[in-house]
Amino acid sequence: MKMLLQEEHGVGKYEVESEGVVIEERANEMEIEDLKGKLQVMKHFGQDDAAVQKKMEEMNNELQEKIDDLQDLESTNKALIYKERQSNDELHEARKVLIQGLPGLLGNRTNIGLKRMGELDPKAFHDTCKSRFPPDEAEIRATTLCSSWQENLKNPDWHPIFRKANKSKAGIG
């Protein structure tokens, strides 16, 4: 389980690094476009002046450096995305192994069970209906109740315990 948690944190680390690389890439792309624009302006206005030619050469070199930096960032980003996907695949595989191995570790004498979030245990409905209804009717009622409760659980506006009071009926408003 400790390994699983470490892998989860590792995936988050790659996501943060990848986002930082993307931001840096965008900043470099903007600088490249800016330098290209300045070079175009200088080409139109000062082809004869030696100082302008030198400045254009410096800007051209700076532009080439920025393009190289951008290519390096893109390759770094691709490597981080690959590592993130690989870590995510490893995490999912470890999760599957844990889920598959857990029932084998749990016997009928353990108090620990495996539950899934948002799913109901139909056994509880069957047990209750067996005690309240005749045997031939209990199975049908249990299945009906379980499916209706499962549908209600899917509805995010359904609150089984809390009742929302209508303001006009309560005299408020």
C-alpha atoms as a PDB file:
ATOM      1  CA  MET A   1       0.000   0.000   0.000  1.00  0.00           C
ATOM      2  CA  LYS A   2       2.916   2.324   0.768  1.00  0.00           C
ATOM      3  CA  MET A   3       4.286   1.696  -2.722  1.00  0.00           C
ATOM      4  CA  LEU A   4       0.889   2.525  -4.183  1.00  0.00           C
ATOM      5  CA  LEU A   5       0.783   5.873  -2.364  1.00  0.00           C
ATOM      6  CA  GLN A   6       4.308   6.714  -3.471  1.00  0.00           C
ATOM      7  CA  GLU A   7       3.332   6.004  -7.066  1.00  0.00           C
ATOM      8  CA  GLU A   8       0.323   8.290  -6.753  1.00  0.00           C
ATOM      9  CA  HIS A   9       2.540  11.109  -5.533  1.00  0.00           C
ATOM     10  CA  GLY A  10       5.029  10.397  -8.315  1.00  0.00           C
ATOM     11  CA  VAL A  11       2.340  10.766 -10.969  1.00  0.00           C
ATOM     12  CA  GLY A  12       1.345  14.131  -9.487  1.00  0.00           C
ATOM     13  CA  LYS A  13       4.978  15.226  -9.625  1.00  0.00           C
ATOM     14  CA  TYR A  14       5.127  14.492 -13.352  1.00  0.00           C
ATOM     15  CA  GLU A  15       1.882  16.390 -13.935  1.00  0.00           C
ATOM     16  CA  VAL A  16       3.228  19.496 -12.166  1.00  0.00           C
ATOM     17  CA  GLU A  17       6.541  19.305 -14.031  1.00  0.00           C
ATOM     18  CA  SER A  18       4.696  18.857 -17.331  1.00  0.00           C
ATOM     19  CA  GLU A  19       2.506  21.903 -16.649  1.00  0.00           C
ATOM     20  CA  GLY A  20       5.601  23.957 -15.858  1.00  0.00           C
ATOM     21  CA  VAL A  21       7.222  22.867 -19.103  1.00  0.00           C
ATOM     22  CA  VAL A  22       4.100  23.799 -21.074  1.00  0.00           C
ATOM     23  CA  ILE A  23       4.052  27.260 -19.505  1.00  0.00           C
ATOM     24  CA  GLU A  24       7.737  27.713 -20.277  1.00  0.00           C
ATOM     25  CA  GLU A  25       7.123  26.549 -23.862  1.00  0.00           C
ATOM     26  CA  ARG A  26       4.390  29.137 -24.336  1.00  0.00           C
ATOM     27  CA  ALA A  27       6.625  31.897 -22.975  1.00  0.00           C
ATOM     28  CA  ASN A  28       9.420  30.851 -25.352  1.00  0.00           C
ATOM     29  CA  GLU A  29       7.021  30.734 -28.293  1.00  0.00           C
ATOM     30  CA  MET A  30       5.910  34.286 -27.504  1.00  0.00           C
ATOM     31  CA  GLU A  31       9.534  35.469 -27.275  1.00  0.00           C
ATOM     32  CA  ILE A  32      10.323  33.771 -30.595  1.00  0.00           C
ATOM     33  CA  GLU A  33       7.405  35.493 -32.300  1.00  0.00           C
ATOM     34  CA  ASP A  34       8.494  38.814 -30.784  1.00  0.00           C
ATOM     35  CA  LEU A  35      12.066  38.359 -31.994  1.00  0.00           C
ATOM     36  CA  LYS A  36      10.884  37.372 -35.474  1.00  0.00           C
ATOM     37  CA  GLY A  37       8.779  40.525 -35.629  1.00  0.00           C
ATOM     38  CA  LYS A  38      11.685  42.716 -34.524  1.00  0.00           C
ATOM     39  CA  LEU A  39      13.951  41.083 -37.114  1.00  0.00           C
ATOM     40  CA  GLN A  40      11.407  41.744 -39.870  1.00  0.00           C
ATOM     41  CA  VAL A  41      11.200  45.408 -38.859  1.00  0.00           C
ATOM     42  CA  MET A  42      14.979  45.747 -38.773  1.00  0.00           C
ATOM     43  CA  LYS A  43      15.322  44.109 -42.208  1.00  0.00           C
ATOM     44  CA  HIS A  44      12.949  46.671 -43.718  1.00  0.00           C
ATOM     45  CA  PHE A  45      14.490  49.739 -42.112  1.00  0.00           C
ATOM     46  CA  GLY A  46      18.223  49.244 -41.879  1.00  0.00           C
ATOM     47  CA  GLN A  47      19.903  47.051 -44.420  1.00  0.00           C
ATOM     48  CA  ASP A  48      22.769  49.529 -45.019  1.00  0.00           C
ATOM     49  CA  ASP A  49      23.825  50.334 -41.465  1.00  0.00           C
ATOM     50  CA  ALA A  50      26.582  48.107 -39.936  1.00  0.00           C
ATOM     51  CA  ALA A  51      25.254  48.606 -36.379  1.00  0.00           C
ATOM     52  CA  VAL A  52      21.818  47.495 -37.487  1.00  0.00           C
ATOM     53  CA  GLN A  53      23.342  44.468 -39.241  1.00  0.00           C
ATOM     54  CA  LYS A  54      25.215  43.567 -36.047  1.00  0.00           C
ATOM     55  CA  LYS A  55      22.063  43.979 -33.967  1.00  0.00           C
ATOM     56  CA  MET A  56      20.151  41.814 -36.445  1.00  0.00           C
ATOM     57  CA  GLU A  57      22.825  39.148 -36.203  1.00  0.00           C
ATOM     58  CA  GLU A  58      22.625  39.203 -32.395  1.00  0.00           C
ATOM     59  CA  MET A  59      18.848  38.951 -32.545  1.00  0.00           C
ATOM     60  CA  ASN A  60      19.113  36.117 -35.059  1.00  0.00           C
ATOM     61  CA  ASN A  61      21.440  34.245 -32.687  1.00  0.00           C
ATOM     62  CA  GLU A  62      19.077  34.892 -29.778  1.00  0.00           C
ATOM     63  CA  LEU A  63      16.177  33.675 -31.914  1.00  0.00           C
ATOM     64  CA  GLN A  64      18.049  30.480 -32.756  1.00  0.00           C
ATOM     65  CA  GLU A  65      18.795  29.918 -29.037  1.00  0.00           C
ATOM     66  CA  LYS A  66      15.117  30.376 -28.199  1.00  0.00           C
ATOM     67  CA  ILE A  67      14.117  27.911 -30.914  1.00  0.00           C
ATOM     68  CA  ASP A  68      16.631  25.394 -29.565  1.00  0.00           C
ATOM     69  CA  ASP A  69      15.305  25.951 -26.023  1.00  0.00           C
ATOM     70  CA  LEU A  70      11.774  25.408 -27.272  1.00  0.00           C
ATOM     71  CA  GLN A  71      12.764  22.142 -28.943  1.00  0.00           C
ATOM     72  CA  ASP A  72      14.480  21.022 -25.727  1.00  0.00           C
ATOM     73  CA  LEU A  73      11.356  21.889 -23.726  1.00  0.00           C
ATOM     74  CA  GLU A  74       9.155  19.989 -26.156  1.00  0.00           C
ATOM     75  CA  SER A  75      11.327  16.882 -25.857  1.00  0.00           C
ATOM     76  CA  THR A  76      11.339  17.240 -22.052  1.00  0.00           C
ATOM     77  CA  ASN A  77       7.559  17.585 -22.083  1.00  0.00           C
ATOM     78  CA  LYS A  78       7.193  14.464 -24.226  1.00  0.00           C
ATOM     79  CA  ALA A  79       9.468  12.546 -21.843  1.00  0.00           C
ATOM     80  CA  LEU A  80       7.432  13.706 -18.837  1.00  0.00           C
ATOM     81  CA  ILE A  81       4.167  12.766 -20.507  1.00  0.00           C
ATOM     82  CA  TYR A  82       5.596   9.324 -21.289  1.00  0.00           C
ATOM     83  CA  LYS A  83       6.760   8.894 -17.675  1.00  0.00           C
ATOM     84  CA  GLU A  84       3.364  10.045 -16.396  1.00  0.00           C
ATOM     85  CA  ARG A  85       1.519   7.560 -18.600  1.00  0.00           C
ATOM     86  CA  GLN A  86       3.912   4.792 -17.627  1.00  0.00           C
ATOM     87  CA  SER A  87       3.498   5.570 -13.920  1.00  0.00           C
ATOM     88  CA  ASN A  88      -0.259   5.783 -14.334  1.00  0.00           C
ATOM     89  CA  ASP A  89      -0.321   2.381 -16.066  1.00  0.00           C
ATOM     90  CA  GLU A  90       1.817   0.898 -13.282  1.00  0.00           C
ATOM     91  CA  LEU A  91      -0.501   2.425 -10.695  1.00  0.00           C
ATOM     92  CA  HIS A  92      -3.595   0.966 -12.338  1.00  0.00           C
ATOM     93  CA  GLU A  93      -1.930  -2.431 -12.657  1.00  0.00           C
ATOM     94  CA  ALA A  94      -0.942  -2.385  -8.971  1.00  0.00           C
ATOM     95  CA  ARG A  95      -4.489  -1.388  -8.045  1.00  0.00           C
ATOM     96  CA  LYS A  96      -5.922  -4.289 -10.063  1.00  0.00           C
ATOM     97  CA  VAL A  97      -3.516  -6.717  -8.413  1.00  0.00           C
ATOM     98  CA  LEU A  98      -4.437  -5.431  -4.961  1.00  0.00           C
ATOM     99  CA  ILE A  99      -8.159  -5.653  -5.642  1.00  0.00           C
ATOM    100  CA  GLN A 100      -7.825  -9.158  -7.091  1.00  0.00           C
ATOM    101  CA  GLY A 101      -5.597 -10.360  -4.245  1.00  0.00           C
ATOM    102  CA  LEU A 102      -7.586  -8.831  -1.398  1.00  0.00           C
ATOM    103  CA  PRO A 103     -10.494 -11.294  -1.393  1.00  0.00           C
ATOM    104  CA  GLY A 104      -7.992 -14.164  -1.253  1.00  0.00           C
ATOM    105  CA  LEU A 105      -6.386 -12.658   1.822  1.00  0.00           C
ATOM    106  CA  LEU A 106      -9.718 -12.104   3.526  1.00  0.00           C
ATOM    107  CA  GLY A 107     -11.325 -15.204   4.873  1.00  0.00           C
ATOM    108  CA  ASN A 108     -14.752 -15.711   6.352  1.00  0.00           C
ATOM    109  CA  ARG A 109     -13.351 -15.028   9.812  1.00  0.00           C
ATOM    110  CA  THR A 110     -12.123 -11.490   9.058  1.00  0.00           C
ATOM    111  CA  ASN A 111     -14.112  -8.381   9.790  1.00  0.00           C
ATOM    112  CA  ILE A 112     -12.795  -6.515   6.776  1.00  0.00           C
ATOM    113  CA  GLY A 113     -14.833  -6.487   3.588  1.00  0.00           C
ATOM    114  CA  LEU A 114     -14.492  -4.970   0.155  1.00  0.00           C
ATOM    115  CA  LYS A 115     -17.007  -2.260  -0.708  1.00  0.00           C
ATOM    116  CA  ARG A 116     -17.427  -0.141  -3.782  1.00  0.00           C
ATOM    117  CA  MET A 117     -18.372   3.502  -3.467  1.00  0.00           C
ATOM    118  CA  GLY A 118     -21.964   4.187  -4.539  1.00  0.00           C
ATOM    119  CA  GLU A 119     -23.023   0.549  -4.780  1.00  0.00           C
ATOM    120  CA  LEU A 120     -25.544  -1.132  -2.526  1.00  0.00           C
ATOM    121  CA  ASP A 121     -25.295  -4.551  -0.951  1.00  0.00           C
ATOM    122  CA  PRO A 122     -28.335  -6.507  -2.189  1.00  0.00           C
ATOM    123  CA  LYS A 123     -27.884  -9.068   0.604  1.00  0.00           C
ATOM    124  CA  ALA A 124     -29.094  -6.532   3.197  1.00  0.00           C
ATOM    125  CA  PHE A 125     -32.291  -5.970   1.193  1.00  0.00           C
ATOM    126  CA  HIS A 126     -32.849  -9.714   0.795  1.00  0.00           C
ATOM    127  CA  ASP A 127     -32.332 -10.397   4.501  1.00  0.00           C
ATOM    128  CA  THR A 128     -34.748  -7.657   5.544  1.00  0.00           C
ATOM    129  CA  CYS A 129     -37.393  -8.630   3.005  1.00  0.00           C
ATOM    130  CA  LYS A 130     -37.189 -12.299   4.058  1.00  0.00           C
ATOM    131  CA  SER A 131     -38.067 -11.305   7.602  1.00  0.00           C
ATOM    132  CA  ARG A 132     -40.960  -9.010   6.589  1.00  0.00           C
ATOM    133  CA  PHE A 133     -42.603 -10.718   3.612  1.00  0.00           C
ATOM    134  CA  PRO A 134     -43.607 -14.261   2.594  1.00  0.00           C
ATOM    135  CA  PRO A 135     -40.779 -16.195   0.872  1.00  0.00           C
ATOM    136  CA  ASP A 136     -42.290 -16.026  -2.615  1.00  0.00           C
ATOM    137  CA  GLU A 137     -42.760 -12.244  -2.405  1.00  0.00           C
ATOM    138  CA  ALA A 138     -39.513 -11.428  -0.521  1.00  0.00           C
ATOM    139  CA  GLU A 139     -37.192 -12.009  -3.490  1.00  0.00           C
ATOM    140  CA  ILE A 140     -39.212  -9.756  -5.798  1.00  0.00           C
ATOM    141  CA  ARG A 141     -39.549  -6.979  -3.203  1.00  0.00           C
ATOM    142  CA  ALA A 142     -35.841  -7.108  -2.339  1.00  0.00           C
ATOM    143  CA  THR A 143     -34.800  -6.825  -5.982  1.00  0.00           C
ATOM    144  CA  THR A 144     -37.275  -3.997  -6.613  1.00  0.00           C
ATOM    145  CA  LEU A 145     -36.201  -2.055  -3.527  1.00  0.00           C
ATOM    146  CA  CYS A 146     -32.511  -2.539  -4.229  1.00  0.00           C
ATOM    147  CA  SER A 147     -32.805  -1.348  -7.833  1.00  0.00           C
ATOM    148  CA  SER A 148     -34.902   1.701  -6.882  1.00  0.00           C
ATOM    149  CA  TRP A 149     -32.404   2.683  -4.181  1.00  0.00           C
ATOM    150  CA  GLN A 150     -29.538   2.191  -6.656  1.00  0.00           C
ATOM    151  CA  GLU A 151     -31.279   4.514  -9.133  1.00  0.00           C
ATOM    152  CA  ASN A 152     -31.854   7.068  -6.377  1.00  0.00           C
ATOM    153  CA  LEU A 153     -28.172   6.945  -5.461  1.00  0.00           C
ATOM    154  CA  LYS A 154     -27.261   7.937  -9.011  1.00  0.00           C
ATOM    155  CA  ASN A 155     -29.342  11.106  -8.654  1.00  0.00           C
ATOM    156  CA  PRO A 156     -27.146  13.842  -7.072  1.00  0.00           C
ATOM    157  CA  ASP A 157     -30.217  15.799  -5.912  1.00  0.00           C
ATOM    158  CA  TRP A 158     -31.608  12.873  -3.908  1.00  0.00           C
ATOM    159  CA  HIS A 159     -31.081  13.111  -0.154  1.00  0.00           C
ATOM    160  CA  PRO A 160     -32.528  10.115   1.726  1.00  0.00           C
ATOM    161  CA  ILE A 161     -32.207  11.670   5.173  1.00  0.00           C
ATOM    162  CA  PHE A 162     -32.661  15.402   4.734  1.00  0.00           C
ATOM    163  CA  ARG A 163     -35.926  16.862   3.563  1.00  0.00           C
ATOM    164  CA  LYS A 164     -35.837  20.272   1.960  1.00  0.00           C
ATOM    165  CA  ALA A 165     -38.652  22.401   3.310  1.00  0.00           C
ATOM    166  CA  ASN A 166     -40.605  24.440   0.834  1.00  0.00           C
ATOM    167  CA  LYS A 167     -40.232  28.090   1.878  1.00  0.00           C
ATOM    168  CA  SER A 168     -43.779  29.058   0.914  1.00  0.00           C
ATOM    169  CA  LYS A 169     -45.313  26.129   2.853  1.00  0.00           C
ATOM    170  CA  ALA A 170     -43.234  26.908   5.934  1.00  0.00           C
ATOM    171  CA  GLY A 171     -44.453  30.497   5.936  1.00  0.00           C
ATOM    172  CA  ILE A 172     -41.063  31.922   5.093  1.00  0.00           C
ATOM    173  CA  GLY A 173     -40.636  34.187   2.153  1.00  0.00           C
END
